[in-house]
Amino acid sequence: MRTYLTSTFSPSMISQRDKLRAIVWEIQEEEVVRILRSTTFIGRIGHENTASLIKERFNLSESPFSREPLTLEEGDAVICLIPQFRVQESREFTDAEIKGAKFRYFYVRVEKLE
């Protein structure tokens, strides 16, 4: 069982080897803080400036920046910190966009389909 810290989630992240599903809960920032303090997590935030802001905002000892692929298996969890704004095209967000963004927080757990 691994816990990941990301700024996005997609069902395509789930391994296709087994019949798995994602259970998603929206959580509050206080819950994110509690989870991050009590869990060893693997950073998988693919934008450097987003990762830098999250490191600062949540007082993390290491940057959660990583562009390594993510494949979720049964028992894995994801803490998603998703900035809430729209851009016209797919691109890196600017520092100003990230600093001014409100975030929504989700906890995702991968389970076997019964």
Protein backbone atom coordinates (compact mmCIF):
# COMPACT_ATOMS: atom_id res chain seq x y z
CA MET A 1 0.00 0.00 0.00
CA ARG A 2 1.41 3.35 -1.08
CA THR A 3 0.13 6.90 -0.64
CA TYR A 4 0.73 9.47 -3.38
CA LEU A 5 0.48 13.25 -3.34
CA THR A 6 -0.73 14.63 -6.69
CA SER A 7 -2.39 17.65 -8.22
CA THR A 8 -4.64 15.54 -10.44
CA PHE A 9 -6.45 12.21 -10.60
CA SER A 10 -7.71 10.14 -13.49
CA PRO A 11 -9.13 6.60 -13.54
CA SER A 12 -6.48 5.87 -16.19
CA MET A 13 -3.95 5.88 -13.32
CA ILE A 14 -5.44 2.62 -12.03
CA SER A 15 -3.75 -0.64 -13.02
CA GLN A 16 -5.74 -2.62 -15.55
CA ARG A 17 -4.40 -6.00 -14.34
CA ASP A 18 -7.17 -6.53 -11.81
CA LYS A 19 -10.72 -5.29 -11.53
CA LEU A 20 -10.15 -2.20 -9.42
CA ARG A 21 -12.14 0.91 -8.65
CA ALA A 22 -11.46 4.29 -7.10
CA ILE A 23 -13.42 5.50 -4.09
CA VAL A 24 -13.18 9.31 -3.91
CA TRP A 25 -13.92 11.59 -0.94
CA GLU A 26 -13.64 15.35 -0.94
CA ILE A 27 -11.78 16.44 2.19
CA GLN A 28 -10.90 19.75 3.85
CA GLU A 29 -7.44 21.31 4.05
CA GLU A 30 -7.18 20.42 7.76
CA GLU A 31 -7.59 16.74 6.86
CA VAL A 32 -4.85 17.06 4.22
CA VAL A 33 -2.52 18.46 6.90
CA ARG A 34 -3.36 15.59 9.28
CA ILE A 35 -2.80 12.94 6.59
CA LEU A 36 0.49 14.46 5.40
CA ARG A 37 1.82 14.61 8.97
CA SER A 38 0.89 10.99 9.73
CA THR A 39 1.72 9.27 6.43
CA THR A 40 4.78 8.63 4.34
CA PHE A 41 3.81 9.71 0.85
CA ILE A 42 5.32 9.71 -2.63
CA GLY A 43 5.17 13.04 -4.47
CA ARG A 44 3.87 12.90 -8.04
CA ILE A 45 3.14 16.55 -8.83
CA GLY A 46 4.26 17.16 -12.40
CA HIS A 47 4.45 20.98 -12.43
CA GLU A 48 7.46 22.39 -10.60
CA ASN A 49 5.82 25.63 -9.51
CA THR A 50 2.70 23.81 -8.24
CA ALA A 51 4.93 21.39 -6.31
CA SER A 52 6.93 24.31 -4.88
CA LEU A 53 3.79 26.12 -3.69
CA ILE A 54 2.39 22.94 -2.11
CA LYS A 55 5.74 22.28 -0.38
CA GLU A 56 5.60 25.78 1.11
CA ARG A 57 1.86 25.76 1.89
CA PHE A 58 1.99 22.43 3.74
CA ASN A 59 5.49 22.86 5.21
CA LEU A 60 6.83 19.70 3.55
CA SER A 61 10.47 18.73 4.01
CA GLU A 62 10.87 17.72 0.34
CA SER A 63 9.37 18.89 -2.91
CA PRO A 64 6.58 16.59 -4.17
CA PHE A 65 7.69 17.31 -7.77
CA SER A 66 8.03 14.24 -9.97
CA ARG A 67 7.07 13.34 -13.49
CA GLU A 68 7.44 9.60 -12.94
CA PRO A 69 4.44 7.65 -14.21
CA LEU A 70 1.85 6.63 -11.65
CA THR A 71 0.09 3.26 -11.74
CA LEU A 72 -2.20 2.61 -8.80
CA GLU A 73 -2.67 -0.87 -7.38
CA GLU A 74 -5.13 -2.30 -4.86
CA GLY A 75 -4.75 -0.60 -1.49
CA ASP A 76 -3.02 2.51 -2.84
CA ALA A 77 -4.26 5.95 -1.86
CA VAL A 78 -3.94 9.37 -3.48
CA ILE A 79 -4.16 12.77 -1.85
CA CYS A 80 -5.15 15.15 -4.66
CA LEU A 81 -4.59 18.89 -4.25
CA ILE A 82 -6.32 20.35 -7.30
CA PRO A 83 -6.01 24.05 -8.20
CA GLN A 84 -9.35 25.55 -9.23
CA PHE A 85 -8.97 27.73 -12.30
CA ARG A 86 -9.27 27.29 -16.04
CA VAL A 87 -6.67 28.00 -18.69
CA GLN A 88 -7.28 28.17 -22.42
CA GLU A 89 -4.59 25.68 -23.39
CA SER A 90 -2.62 22.90 -21.77
CA ARG A 91 0.55 24.43 -20.33
CA GLU A 92 2.54 24.96 -17.17
CA PHE A 93 0.69 27.24 -14.76
CA THR A 94 2.36 30.52 -13.89
CA ASP A 95 3.49 31.25 -10.34
CA ALA A 96 0.81 33.96 -10.09
CA GLU A 97 -1.93 31.55 -11.22
CA ILE A 98 -0.90 28.93 -8.66
CA LYS A 99 -0.48 31.41 -5.79
CA GLY A 100 -3.89 32.93 -6.51
CA ALA A 101 -5.72 29.62 -6.95
CA LYS A 102 -8.16 28.14 -4.54
CA PHE A 103 -7.69 24.38 -4.11
CA ARG A 104 -10.04 21.44 -3.72
CA TYR A 105 -8.79 18.39 -1.87
CA PHE A 106 -9.67 14.76 -2.49
CA TYR A 107 -8.69 11.44 -0.93
CA VAL A 108 -8.78 8.51 -3.35
CA ARG A 109 -8.55 4.86 -2.31
CA VAL A 110 -8.11 2.01 -4.82
CA GLU A 111 -10.10 -1.14 -4.03
CA LYS A 112 -10.85 -4.42 -5.73
CA LEU A 113 -14.24 -4.56 -7.45
CA GLU A 114 -16.37 -7.26 -5.87
